[in-house]
Amino acid sequence: MRHLILGIIASTILFTSCTKTQNPFEISKQHIGLLTDSTQVKDLESIFSNDSVVKYIAGDEFIGNTNNIQIFEKGGKKLLSLTPKYVLDSTSTISTVRVLDDRYKTAENISTLSTFKDIQAQYKISRMSNLINSVVVAVDDINASFTIDKKELPANLRFDMNLKFEATHIPDEAKIKYFFVSWDN
């Protein structure tokens, strides 16, 4: 009986010491802090209970506007901008997360303060898209897209909409303008 009690106590200590607390600013393929790819809109208030959740309600859901949900710290600093898959549906999951606060980082220490060189050193770039004012660098390993303003590029590359961008076209010190994680799959 005594060995059974000691075994239960040892097992309890082992299991409780192995539990890892989730870093509220860690980014991975399936989560951003406590927010996961299966989180529903109705659960945001409890996940961000120490922060402010601001939901924009459009006057007409047929006008094509997205209902982005903004997450602010209590001090007013904007943390995240969330786009639900379905507008005005509290059971909808989150489709896209725009990372606004530089404390959110991947396991490889990539944040909104990172440069193109940092991204290229840590991840395999899946594709690059040439937009009017920016270049979008996609990294499928973490479902992320990094937007780099064309102002960061040499002048001869800024206005050619037919140019197929490659990693050699973007300067190493080019800063990230936006950082998105997409869970559309």
Protein backbone atom coordinates (compact mmCIF):
# COMPACT_ATOMS: atom_id res chain seq x y z
CA MET A 1 0.00 0.00 0.00
CA ARG A 2 2.82 2.31 0.90
CA HIS A 3 4.56 1.73 -2.47
CA LEU A 4 1.29 2.43 -4.28
CA ILE A 5 0.90 5.82 -2.57
CA LEU A 6 4.54 6.71 -3.25
CA GLY A 7 4.08 5.65 -6.89
CA ILE A 8 0.99 7.87 -7.25
CA ILE A 9 2.79 10.84 -5.66
CA ALA A 10 5.83 10.34 -7.93
CA SER A 11 3.60 10.06 -11.01
CA THR A 12 1.71 13.22 -10.06
CA ILE A 13 4.93 15.17 -9.56
CA LEU A 14 6.29 13.86 -12.86
CA PHE A 15 3.17 14.83 -14.85
CA THR A 16 2.78 18.27 -13.26
CA SER A 17 6.44 19.14 -13.76
CA CYS A 18 6.28 18.18 -17.46
CA THR A 19 3.46 20.54 -18.34
CA LYS A 20 4.73 23.47 -20.35
CA THR A 21 2.99 26.80 -20.10
CA GLN A 22 2.19 28.40 -23.43
CA ASN A 23 4.17 31.52 -24.29
CA PRO A 24 1.50 34.17 -25.06
CA PHE A 25 3.72 35.68 -27.79
CA GLU A 26 4.96 32.52 -29.57
CA ILE A 27 4.07 31.99 -33.23
CA SER A 28 3.93 28.58 -34.87
CA LYS A 29 2.06 26.98 -37.77
CA GLN A 30 -1.06 26.21 -35.67
CA HIS A 31 -1.03 28.92 -33.01
CA ILE A 32 -0.17 32.47 -32.11
CA GLY A 33 0.12 32.64 -28.34
CA LEU A 34 -3.09 31.16 -26.94
CA LEU A 35 -4.93 31.65 -30.25
CA THR A 36 -5.08 28.47 -32.37
CA ASP A 37 -6.21 27.60 -35.87
CA SER A 38 -9.41 26.13 -34.37
CA THR A 39 -10.28 29.04 -32.05
CA GLN A 40 -13.80 30.35 -32.62
CA VAL A 41 -14.75 34.03 -32.57
CA LYS A 42 -16.95 33.48 -29.51
CA ASP A 43 -13.88 32.30 -27.52
CA LEU A 44 -11.79 35.43 -28.13
CA GLU A 45 -13.08 37.29 -25.06
CA SER A 46 -11.89 34.50 -22.75
CA ILE A 47 -8.54 33.99 -24.54
CA PHE A 48 -7.77 37.71 -24.43
CA SER A 49 -9.43 38.37 -21.06
CA ASN A 50 -6.63 40.77 -20.01
CA ASP A 51 -6.83 42.67 -23.30
CA SER A 52 -9.49 44.54 -25.28
CA VAL A 53 -11.27 42.78 -28.13
CA VAL A 54 -12.85 45.21 -30.60
CA LYS A 55 -15.28 43.78 -33.15
CA TYR A 56 -16.40 45.93 -36.04
CA ILE A 57 -19.99 45.25 -37.04
CA ALA A 58 -20.72 46.29 -40.60
CA GLY A 59 -24.12 47.76 -41.39
CA ASP A 60 -24.68 45.27 -44.19
CA GLU A 61 -22.88 41.94 -44.51
CA PHE A 62 -23.52 41.95 -48.27
CA ILE A 63 -21.28 44.92 -49.05
CA GLY A 64 -18.21 42.71 -49.11
CA ASN A 65 -16.40 44.18 -46.13
CA THR A 66 -14.48 41.90 -43.85
CA ASN A 67 -15.18 42.15 -40.15
CA ASN A 68 -11.70 42.39 -38.74
CA ILE A 69 -11.39 41.94 -34.99
CA GLN A 70 -8.75 44.07 -33.32
CA ILE A 71 -6.92 42.96 -30.18
CA PHE A 72 -5.50 45.76 -28.02
CA GLU A 73 -3.53 45.68 -24.79
CA LYS A 74 -5.27 47.43 -21.91
CA GLY A 75 -2.78 50.28 -22.38
CA GLY A 76 -4.02 50.79 -25.93
CA LYS A 77 -1.22 49.14 -27.94
CA LYS A 78 -2.53 47.17 -30.92
CA LEU A 79 -1.47 43.51 -30.76
CA LEU A 80 -3.28 41.60 -33.50
CA SER A 81 -5.85 42.03 -36.24
CA LEU A 82 -7.95 38.91 -36.84
CA THR A 83 -10.09 38.08 -39.87
CA PRO A 84 -12.74 35.40 -39.29
CA LYS A 85 -13.56 32.93 -42.07
CA TYR A 86 -17.23 33.88 -41.99
CA VAL A 87 -18.56 37.37 -41.33
CA LEU A 88 -20.95 37.84 -38.37
CA ASP A 89 -20.66 34.19 -37.28
CA SER A 90 -19.60 33.64 -33.67
CA THR A 91 -18.76 29.98 -34.38
CA SER A 92 -16.44 30.89 -37.24
CA THR A 93 -12.74 30.18 -36.84
CA ILE A 94 -10.01 32.69 -37.61
CA SER A 95 -8.78 32.78 -41.20
CA THR A 96 -5.93 35.29 -41.04
CA VAL A 97 -3.98 36.93 -38.23
CA ARG A 98 -2.03 40.11 -38.85
CA VAL A 99 0.77 40.39 -36.29
CA LEU A 100 1.24 44.00 -35.19
CA ASP A 101 3.22 43.78 -31.94
CA ASP A 102 6.93 43.00 -32.12
CA ARG A 103 6.78 40.77 -29.03
CA TYR A 104 5.13 38.05 -31.13
CA LYS A 105 7.97 35.87 -32.43
CA THR A 106 8.44 32.53 -34.12
CA ALA A 107 10.63 29.84 -32.58
CA GLU A 108 13.36 31.15 -34.91
CA ASN A 109 12.97 34.66 -33.41
CA ILE A 110 11.30 36.23 -36.47
CA SER A 111 9.06 39.21 -35.63
CA THR A 112 7.81 42.43 -37.19
CA LEU A 113 11.26 43.89 -36.46
CA SER A 114 13.02 41.28 -38.62
CA THR A 115 14.58 41.87 -42.02
CA PHE A 116 14.47 39.89 -45.25
CA LYS A 117 17.89 38.43 -44.40
CA ASP A 118 16.48 37.10 -41.09
CA ILE A 119 13.57 35.40 -42.87
CA GLN A 120 15.80 33.92 -45.54
CA ALA A 121 18.28 32.61 -42.95
CA GLN A 122 15.58 30.83 -40.92
CA TYR A 123 13.04 29.60 -43.49
CA LYS A 124 12.70 28.24 -46.99
CA ILE A 125 10.86 30.86 -49.01
CA SER A 126 7.96 29.21 -50.82
CA ARG A 127 7.07 31.99 -53.27
CA MET A 128 7.22 35.73 -53.87
CA SER A 129 4.38 37.85 -55.23
CA ASN A 130 4.81 41.19 -56.97
CA LEU A 131 2.08 43.64 -55.91
CA ILE A 132 1.65 47.32 -56.78
CA ASN A 133 3.35 48.75 -53.67
CA SER A 134 4.90 45.69 -52.07
CA VAL A 135 6.40 42.24 -52.42
CA VAL A 136 4.85 39.38 -50.45
CA VAL A 137 7.25 36.68 -49.28
CA ALA A 138 5.42 33.44 -48.39
CA VAL A 139 6.79 30.84 -45.99
CA ASP A 140 4.63 27.72 -46.01
CA ASP A 141 6.52 26.16 -43.06
CA ILE A 142 4.65 28.50 -40.70
CA ASN A 143 1.73 29.57 -42.95
CA ALA A 144 3.16 33.10 -42.94
CA SER A 145 3.36 35.92 -45.44
CA PHE A 146 5.75 38.80 -44.96
CA THR A 147 5.02 42.03 -46.83
CA ILE A 148 7.97 44.21 -47.80
CA ASP A 149 7.30 47.72 -49.07
CA LYS A 150 8.76 48.38 -52.52
CA LYS A 151 10.34 51.53 -51.07
CA GLU A 152 12.86 49.11 -49.52
CA LEU A 153 13.91 47.95 -53.02
CA PRO A 154 16.31 49.50 -55.52
CA ALA A 155 14.56 52.14 -57.68
CA ASN A 156 14.86 50.10 -60.89
CA LEU A 157 12.74 47.26 -59.38
CA ARG A 158 9.91 49.27 -57.85
CA PHE A 159 7.73 49.87 -60.91
CA ASP A 160 8.11 46.72 -63.01
CA MET A 161 4.85 44.82 -62.41
CA ASN A 162 5.94 41.99 -64.74
CA LEU A 163 9.11 41.23 -62.80
CA LYS A 164 9.18 37.80 -61.20
CA PHE A 165 10.90 38.51 -57.89
CA GLU A 166 13.67 36.30 -56.60
CA ALA A 167 15.54 36.45 -53.30
CA THR A 168 18.48 38.20 -54.96
CA HIS A 169 16.25 41.18 -55.88
CA ILE A 170 15.48 42.05 -52.25
CA PRO A 171 18.18 43.71 -50.12
CA ASP A 172 19.12 41.86 -46.93
CA GLU A 173 18.25 44.89 -44.77
CA ALA A 174 14.71 45.28 -46.23
CA LYS A 175 12.29 45.60 -43.30
CA ILE A 176 9.00 43.78 -42.88
CA LYS A 177 6.00 46.07 -43.28
CA TYR A 178 3.32 43.50 -42.40
CA PHE A 179 3.38 39.96 -41.09
CA PHE A 180 0.40 37.64 -41.62
CA VAL A 181 -0.32 34.08 -40.54
CA SER A 182 -3.03 32.37 -42.56
CA TRP A 183 -5.12 29.40 -41.49
CA ASP A 184 -7.30 29.11 -44.61
CA ASN A 185 -6.43 25.47 -45.29
